[in-house]
N, C-alpha and C. Protein backbone atom coordinates (compact mmCIF):
# COMPACT_ATOMS: atom_id res chain seq x y z
N MET A 1 -38.57 0.26 -9.13
CA MET A 1 -37.92 -0.39 -9.90
C MET A 1 -38.00 -2.06 -9.84
N SER A 2 -38.32 -2.68 -10.84
CA SER A 2 -38.03 -4.34 -10.52
C SER A 2 -36.55 -4.61 -11.12
N GLY A 3 -36.30 -5.83 -10.65
CA GLY A 3 -35.04 -6.26 -11.19
C GLY A 3 -34.69 -6.33 -12.46
N PHE A 4 -35.44 -6.27 -13.30
CA PHE A 4 -35.30 -6.52 -14.64
C PHE A 4 -35.10 -5.08 -15.19
N GLU A 5 -35.75 -4.06 -14.61
CA GLU A 5 -35.27 -2.71 -15.10
C GLU A 5 -33.88 -2.27 -14.52
N ILE A 6 -33.51 -2.61 -13.21
CA ILE A 6 -32.21 -2.52 -12.82
C ILE A 6 -31.11 -3.04 -13.54
N LYS A 7 -31.44 -4.40 -14.07
CA LYS A 7 -30.33 -4.98 -14.76
C LYS A 7 -30.30 -4.50 -16.24
N GLY A 8 -31.53 -4.05 -16.53
CA GLY A 8 -31.39 -3.22 -18.10
C GLY A 8 -30.69 -1.68 -17.93
N PHE A 9 -30.85 -1.27 -16.74
CA PHE A 9 -30.04 0.04 -16.78
C PHE A 9 -28.93 0.01 -16.75
N MET A 10 -28.37 -1.05 -15.73
CA MET A 10 -26.94 -1.39 -15.31
C MET A 10 -26.39 -1.66 -16.95
N GLY A 11 -26.81 -2.55 -17.66
CA GLY A 11 -26.42 -2.94 -18.80
C GLY A 11 -26.19 -1.81 -19.74
N ALA A 12 -27.27 -1.02 -19.93
CA ALA A 12 -27.19 0.08 -20.78
C ALA A 12 -25.95 1.13 -20.54
N LEU A 13 -25.82 1.33 -19.06
CA LEU A 13 -24.46 2.03 -18.40
C LEU A 13 -23.31 1.25 -19.05
N LEU A 14 -23.23 0.18 -18.94
CA LEU A 14 -21.74 -0.33 -19.26
C LEU A 14 -21.50 -0.25 -20.64
N ILE A 15 -22.88 -0.51 -21.39
CA ILE A 15 -22.55 -0.35 -22.86
C ILE A 15 -22.19 1.19 -23.29
N ALA A 16 -22.77 2.11 -22.53
CA ALA A 16 -22.51 3.35 -22.84
C ALA A 16 -21.01 3.87 -22.42
N PHE A 17 -20.74 2.99 -21.44
CA PHE A 17 -19.15 3.52 -21.23
C PHE A 17 -18.25 2.35 -22.15
N GLY A 18 -18.85 1.49 -22.92
CA GLY A 18 -17.99 0.85 -23.85
C GLY A 18 -17.66 -0.58 -23.52
N VAL A 19 -18.09 -1.01 -22.46
CA VAL A 19 -17.58 -2.48 -21.83
C VAL A 19 -18.89 -3.32 -22.60
N THR A 20 -18.24 -4.25 -23.14
CA THR A 20 -19.02 -5.02 -24.09
C THR A 20 -19.30 -6.48 -23.43
N VAL A 21 -18.78 -6.86 -22.26
CA VAL A 21 -19.12 -8.13 -21.57
C VAL A 21 -20.47 -8.04 -20.86
N PRO A 22 -21.09 -9.23 -21.21
CA PRO A 22 -22.26 -9.30 -20.26
C PRO A 22 -22.33 -8.84 -18.68
N LEU A 23 -23.45 -8.42 -18.38
CA LEU A 23 -23.51 -8.00 -17.03
C LEU A 23 -23.18 -9.04 -15.84
N PRO A 24 -23.47 -10.04 -16.02
CA PRO A 24 -23.33 -11.32 -15.02
C PRO A 24 -21.76 -11.31 -14.87
N VAL A 25 -21.03 -11.46 -16.02
CA VAL A 25 -19.59 -11.66 -16.27
C VAL A 25 -19.13 -10.29 -15.70
N PHE A 26 -19.22 -9.24 -15.97
CA PHE A 26 -18.70 -7.85 -15.45
C PHE A 26 -18.73 -7.77 -14.04
N LEU A 27 -19.85 -8.22 -13.16
CA LEU A 27 -19.90 -8.17 -11.99
C LEU A 27 -19.22 -9.27 -11.25
N ALA A 28 -19.07 -10.36 -11.86
CA ALA A 28 -18.35 -11.54 -11.35
C ALA A 28 -16.80 -11.16 -11.45
N GLY A 29 -16.43 -10.23 -12.33
CA GLY A 29 -15.26 -9.97 -12.52
C GLY A 29 -14.95 -8.86 -11.81
N MET A 30 -15.74 -7.92 -11.22
CA MET A 30 -15.48 -6.92 -10.14
C MET A 30 -15.44 -7.60 -8.71
N ALA A 31 -16.25 -8.71 -8.62
CA ALA A 31 -15.86 -9.30 -7.35
C ALA A 31 -14.57 -10.05 -7.22
N LEU A 32 -14.22 -10.47 -8.48
CA LEU A 32 -12.77 -10.90 -8.36
C LEU A 32 -11.78 -9.99 -8.49
N ALA A 33 -12.02 -8.68 -9.01
CA ALA A 33 -10.95 -7.60 -8.94
C ALA A 33 -10.84 -7.30 -7.46
N LEU A 34 -12.12 -6.93 -6.62
CA LEU A 34 -11.76 -6.87 -5.27
C LEU A 34 -11.13 -8.10 -4.39
N GLY A 35 -11.48 -9.25 -4.79
CA GLY A 35 -10.94 -10.40 -4.15
C GLY A 35 -9.38 -10.52 -4.48
N GLY A 36 -8.97 -10.06 -5.52
CA GLY A 36 -7.52 -9.86 -5.95
C GLY A 36 -7.07 -8.89 -5.26
N ALA A 37 -7.42 -7.65 -5.06
CA ALA A 37 -6.94 -6.75 -4.17
C ALA A 37 -6.79 -7.28 -2.70
N PHE A 38 -7.75 -7.78 -2.36
CA PHE A 38 -7.86 -8.22 -0.71
C PHE A 38 -6.49 -9.36 -0.72
N PHE A 39 -6.39 -10.44 -1.67
CA PHE A 39 -5.44 -11.34 -1.80
C PHE A 39 -4.11 -10.68 -1.79
N ALA A 40 -3.97 -9.66 -2.60
CA ALA A 40 -2.66 -8.97 -2.52
C ALA A 40 -2.10 -8.33 -1.22
N MET A 41 -3.15 -7.74 -0.44
CA MET A 41 -3.17 -7.38 0.95
C MET A 41 -2.89 -8.25 2.12
N MET A 42 -3.28 -9.44 1.76
CA MET A 42 -2.93 -10.41 2.87
C MET A 42 -1.48 -10.66 3.11
N GLY A 43 -0.78 -10.73 1.99
CA GLY A 43 0.80 -11.01 2.01
C GLY A 43 1.53 -9.79 2.91
N GLY A 44 1.31 -8.65 2.65
CA GLY A 44 2.07 -7.55 3.44
C GLY A 44 1.25 -6.65 4.06
N GLY A 45 -0.01 -6.54 3.79
CA GLY A 45 -0.89 -5.59 4.31
C GLY A 45 -0.65 -4.29 4.07
N PRO A 46 -1.74 -3.46 4.02
CA PRO A 46 -1.37 -2.04 3.57
C PRO A 46 -0.76 -1.42 4.62
N SER A 47 0.12 -0.39 4.01
CA SER A 47 1.10 0.25 4.89
C SER A 47 0.47 1.43 5.81
N SER A 48 -0.62 1.76 5.36
CA SER A 48 -1.72 2.61 6.35
C SER A 48 -2.92 2.75 5.85
N ARG A 49 -3.88 3.38 6.48
CA ARG A 49 -5.34 3.34 6.33
C ARG A 49 -5.55 3.99 5.01
N ALA A 50 -4.68 5.16 4.55
CA ALA A 50 -4.82 5.65 3.35
C ALA A 50 -4.81 4.80 2.04
N SER A 51 -3.53 3.81 2.10
CA SER A 51 -3.52 2.70 1.19
C SER A 51 -4.30 1.84 1.18
N TYR A 52 -5.07 1.56 2.16
CA TYR A 52 -6.17 0.48 2.40
C TYR A 52 -7.36 1.07 1.50
N ALA A 53 -7.64 2.10 1.71
CA ALA A 53 -8.79 2.88 0.81
C ALA A 53 -8.53 3.07 -0.45
N THR A 54 -7.43 3.62 -0.87
CA THR A 54 -7.11 3.66 -2.06
C THR A 54 -6.80 2.49 -2.97
N THR A 55 -6.57 1.28 -2.27
CA THR A 55 -6.27 -0.07 -2.96
C THR A 55 -7.86 -0.47 -3.44
N ILE A 56 -8.71 -0.37 -2.54
CA ILE A 56 -10.11 -0.62 -2.81
C ILE A 56 -10.75 0.15 -3.91
N PHE A 57 -10.32 1.44 -3.88
CA PHE A 57 -10.98 2.25 -4.85
C PHE A 57 -10.19 2.04 -6.19
N LEU A 58 -8.90 1.88 -6.23
CA LEU A 58 -8.18 1.52 -7.57
C LEU A 58 -8.58 0.22 -7.88
N ALA A 59 -8.99 -0.82 -7.09
CA ALA A 59 -9.31 -2.13 -7.50
C ALA A 59 -10.72 -2.03 -8.28
N ILE A 60 -11.51 -1.18 -7.79
CA ILE A 60 -12.59 -1.18 -8.64
C ILE A 60 -12.38 -0.36 -10.13
N ILE A 61 -11.53 0.59 -10.16
CA ILE A 61 -11.17 1.41 -11.49
C ILE A 61 -10.43 0.59 -12.10
N ALA A 62 -9.37 -0.28 -11.79
CA ALA A 62 -8.99 -1.39 -12.50
C ALA A 62 -9.44 -2.26 -12.96
N GLY A 63 -10.54 -2.73 -12.27
CA GLY A 63 -11.53 -3.82 -12.57
C GLY A 63 -12.22 -3.39 -14.04
N PHE A 64 -12.80 -2.10 -13.81
CA PHE A 64 -13.53 -1.42 -14.85
C PHE A 64 -12.62 -1.16 -15.97
N ALA A 65 -11.51 -0.73 -15.88
CA ALA A 65 -10.46 -0.51 -17.11
C ALA A 65 -10.02 -1.95 -17.73
N ALA A 66 -9.76 -2.96 -17.00
CA ALA A 66 -9.60 -4.26 -17.32
C ALA A 66 -10.77 -4.64 -18.46
N ALA A 67 -12.09 -4.41 -18.06
CA ALA A 67 -13.25 -5.11 -18.80
C ALA A 67 -13.28 -4.29 -19.85
N LEU A 68 -12.98 -2.87 -19.88
CA LEU A 68 -13.09 -2.18 -20.82
C LEU A 68 -11.83 -2.38 -22.04
N LEU A 69 -10.85 -2.65 -21.57
CA LEU A 69 -9.85 -2.83 -22.62
C LEU A 69 -9.40 -4.50 -23.00
N HIS A 70 -10.05 -5.39 -22.36
CA HIS A 70 -9.70 -6.65 -22.67
C HIS A 70 -9.91 -7.03 -23.89
N PRO A 71 -10.75 -6.57 -24.60
CA PRO A 71 -10.74 -7.15 -26.21
C PRO A 71 -9.76 -6.73 -27.11
N MET A 72 -9.12 -5.58 -26.53
CA MET A 72 -7.77 -5.20 -27.34
C MET A 72 -6.52 -5.73 -27.16
N PHE A 73 -6.41 -6.35 -25.93
CA PHE A 73 -4.96 -7.00 -25.51
C PHE A 73 -5.29 -8.40 -25.45
N VAL A 74 -5.57 -9.01 -24.79
CA VAL A 74 -5.83 -10.49 -24.65
C VAL A 74 -7.43 -11.06 -24.97
N PRO A 75 -7.93 -11.21 -25.94
CA PRO A 75 -9.33 -11.50 -26.11
C PRO A 75 -9.37 -12.83 -25.85
N ASP A 76 -8.36 -13.75 -25.85
CA ASP A 76 -8.55 -15.25 -25.56
C ASP A 76 -8.77 -15.54 -24.18
N TRP A 77 -8.49 -14.71 -23.31
CA TRP A 77 -8.25 -15.06 -22.15
C TRP A 77 -9.49 -14.77 -21.39
N PRO A 78 -10.03 -15.28 -20.40
CA PRO A 78 -11.37 -14.77 -19.72
C PRO A 78 -11.25 -13.44 -19.17
N VAL A 79 -12.26 -12.79 -19.16
CA VAL A 79 -12.31 -11.33 -18.79
C VAL A 79 -12.17 -11.30 -17.11
N GLN A 80 -12.79 -12.25 -16.58
CA GLN A 80 -12.60 -12.28 -15.15
C GLN A 80 -11.09 -12.39 -14.55
N LEU A 81 -10.24 -13.29 -15.23
CA LEU A 81 -8.98 -13.29 -15.02
C LEU A 81 -8.21 -11.94 -14.95
N ILE A 82 -8.48 -11.39 -16.29
CA ILE A 82 -7.76 -9.91 -16.47
C ILE A 82 -8.48 -9.09 -15.51
N MET A 83 -9.62 -9.06 -15.07
CA MET A 83 -9.90 -8.30 -13.91
C MET A 83 -9.42 -8.37 -12.45
N MET A 84 -9.28 -9.75 -12.36
CA MET A 84 -8.70 -10.33 -11.00
C MET A 84 -7.29 -9.73 -10.85
N ALA A 85 -6.45 -10.01 -11.98
CA ALA A 85 -4.94 -9.59 -12.04
C ALA A 85 -4.83 -8.01 -11.87
N ALA A 86 -5.78 -7.12 -12.36
CA ALA A 86 -6.08 -5.74 -12.37
C ALA A 86 -6.32 -5.34 -10.93
N GLY A 87 -7.02 -6.01 -10.16
CA GLY A 87 -7.33 -5.82 -9.04
C GLY A 87 -6.15 -6.13 -7.97
N ALA A 88 -5.52 -6.97 -8.10
CA ALA A 88 -4.39 -7.41 -7.42
C ALA A 88 -3.27 -6.40 -7.66
N LEU A 89 -2.85 -5.77 -8.69
CA LEU A 89 -2.08 -5.03 -8.99
C LEU A 89 -2.33 -3.63 -8.45
N SER A 90 -3.59 -3.37 -8.15
CA SER A 90 -3.80 -2.03 -7.45
C SER A 90 -3.17 -1.89 -6.21
N LYS A 91 -2.90 -2.76 -5.64
CA LYS A 91 -2.36 -2.74 -4.24
C LYS A 91 -0.96 -2.06 -4.17
N TYR A 92 -0.27 -2.43 -5.25
CA TYR A 92 1.31 -1.78 -5.23
C TYR A 92 1.06 -0.54 -6.16
N LEU A 93 -0.09 -0.16 -6.73
CA LEU A 93 -0.21 1.00 -7.42
C LEU A 93 -0.64 2.25 -6.23
N ALA A 94 -1.44 1.64 -5.33
CA ALA A 94 -1.86 2.53 -4.29
C ALA A 94 -0.93 2.84 -3.32
N GLU A 95 0.12 1.90 -2.92
CA GLU A 95 1.17 2.16 -2.02
C GLU A 95 2.01 3.11 -2.81
N THR A 96 2.23 3.20 -4.18
CA THR A 96 3.24 4.17 -4.88
C THR A 96 2.64 5.57 -4.72
N ILE A 97 1.05 5.44 -4.96
CA ILE A 97 0.41 6.86 -4.97
C ILE A 97 0.60 7.44 -3.44
N VAL A 98 0.24 6.56 -2.49
CA VAL A 98 0.32 7.06 -1.07
C VAL A 98 1.57 7.32 -0.72
N THR A 99 2.75 6.92 -1.27
CA THR A 99 4.31 7.04 -0.83
C THR A 99 4.40 8.47 -1.57
N ILE A 100 4.15 8.66 -2.67
CA ILE A 100 4.33 9.91 -3.57
C ILE A 100 3.51 11.08 -2.75
N GLY A 101 2.42 11.07 -2.41
CA GLY A 101 1.52 11.93 -1.70
C GLY A 101 2.35 12.48 -0.55
N GLN A 102 2.90 11.30 0.34
CA GLN A 102 3.24 11.78 1.70
C GLN A 102 4.48 12.42 1.44
N ALA A 103 5.37 12.06 0.62
CA ALA A 103 6.57 12.85 0.21
C ALA A 103 6.34 14.26 -0.23
N ALA A 104 5.27 14.36 -1.28
CA ALA A 104 5.04 15.79 -1.66
C ALA A 104 4.62 16.61 -0.42
N ARG A 105 3.80 16.09 0.29
CA ARG A 105 3.32 16.82 1.66
C ARG A 105 4.36 17.12 2.47
N ASP A 106 5.27 16.23 2.71
CA ASP A 106 6.48 16.83 3.28
C ASP A 106 7.38 17.72 2.87
N ARG A 107 7.64 17.67 1.56
CA ARG A 107 8.57 18.63 0.80
C ARG A 107 7.53 19.91 0.82
N ALA A 108 6.36 19.96 0.66
CA ALA A 108 5.66 21.19 0.84
C ALA A 108 5.81 21.80 2.25
N GLY A 109 5.63 21.06 3.11
CA GLY A 109 5.77 21.67 4.34
C GLY A 109 7.32 22.13 4.71
N GLU A 110 8.29 21.66 4.13
CA GLU A 110 9.76 22.10 4.23
C GLU A 110 9.87 23.48 3.35
N ILE A 111 9.06 23.58 2.30
CA ILE A 111 9.34 24.77 1.62
C ILE A 111 8.77 26.07 2.29
N VAL A 112 7.55 25.72 2.87
CA VAL A 112 6.62 26.88 3.81
C VAL A 112 7.40 27.15 4.91
N ARG A 113 8.37 26.28 5.60
CA ARG A 113 8.78 26.31 6.81
C ARG A 113 10.11 27.37 6.34
N ASN A 114 10.62 27.14 5.09
CA ASN A 114 12.06 27.70 4.71
C ASN A 114 11.82 29.18 4.07
N VAL A 115 10.61 29.51 4.03
CA VAL A 115 10.24 30.94 3.32
C VAL A 115 11.15 31.90 3.98
N ARG A 116 11.53 32.70 3.70
CA ARG A 116 11.89 34.13 4.15
C ARG A 116 11.33 35.41 3.49
N ILE A 117 10.72 35.98 4.38
CA ILE A 117 10.16 37.19 3.66
C ILE A 117 11.17 38.37 4.34
N PRO A 118 11.50 39.34 3.45
CA PRO A 118 12.64 40.23 3.72
C PRO A 118 12.50 41.07 4.70
N TRP A 119 11.01 41.69 4.89
CA TRP A 119 10.66 42.76 5.71
C TRP A 119 10.37 42.06 7.31
N VAL A 120 10.21 40.87 7.48
CA VAL A 120 9.78 40.29 8.72
C VAL A 120 11.03 39.33 9.29
N ARG A 121 11.09 39.90 10.50
CA ARG A 121 12.25 39.29 11.18
C ARG A 121 12.08 37.68 11.43
N ASN A 122 12.72 36.93 10.94
CA ASN A 122 12.56 35.41 10.82
C ASN A 122 13.14 34.79 12.36
N LYS A 123 12.73 33.80 12.81
CA LYS A 123 13.29 32.99 13.78
C LYS A 123 14.69 32.41 13.51
N GLY A 124 15.84 32.90 14.32
CA GLY A 124 17.03 32.20 13.85
C GLY A 124 17.93 33.20 13.23
N ASP A 125 17.33 34.23 12.88
CA ASP A 125 18.22 35.41 12.12
C ASP A 125 18.96 36.31 13.39
N GLY A 126 20.00 36.76 13.25
CA GLY A 126 20.72 37.57 14.04
C GLY A 126 20.11 38.89 14.23
N ASP A 127 20.60 39.69 14.99
CA ASP A 127 20.22 41.04 15.04
C ASP A 127 20.51 41.92 13.66
N VAL A 128 19.60 42.49 13.05
CA VAL A 128 19.65 43.26 11.98
C VAL A 128 19.89 44.62 12.20
């Protein structure tokens, strides 16, 4: 495949998803979305490896969503600015998701440890 065919395929794919910005503008916005995510992580850093990977993944998703929804909310602003802001906000969303996931994991572990089966002698039970 030549470069022209790849660009045509990527442009057609963006149009199929509803993104109406030109391909070079979209790619620049995605780079800025990832840059915004890394810039946001410079301040405090990710709390864990899971939040680092989640931040990068969410920066890509947020950049794509920002490019898709840009004409509906702020059509006067450059799309790259909106994509960069969405990428920067992905750090905080990722940390929230990881915190909720860890809390759910811990809660599920407590539920499993505290299950009492009537016909099985459980640890800590007195003589029955």
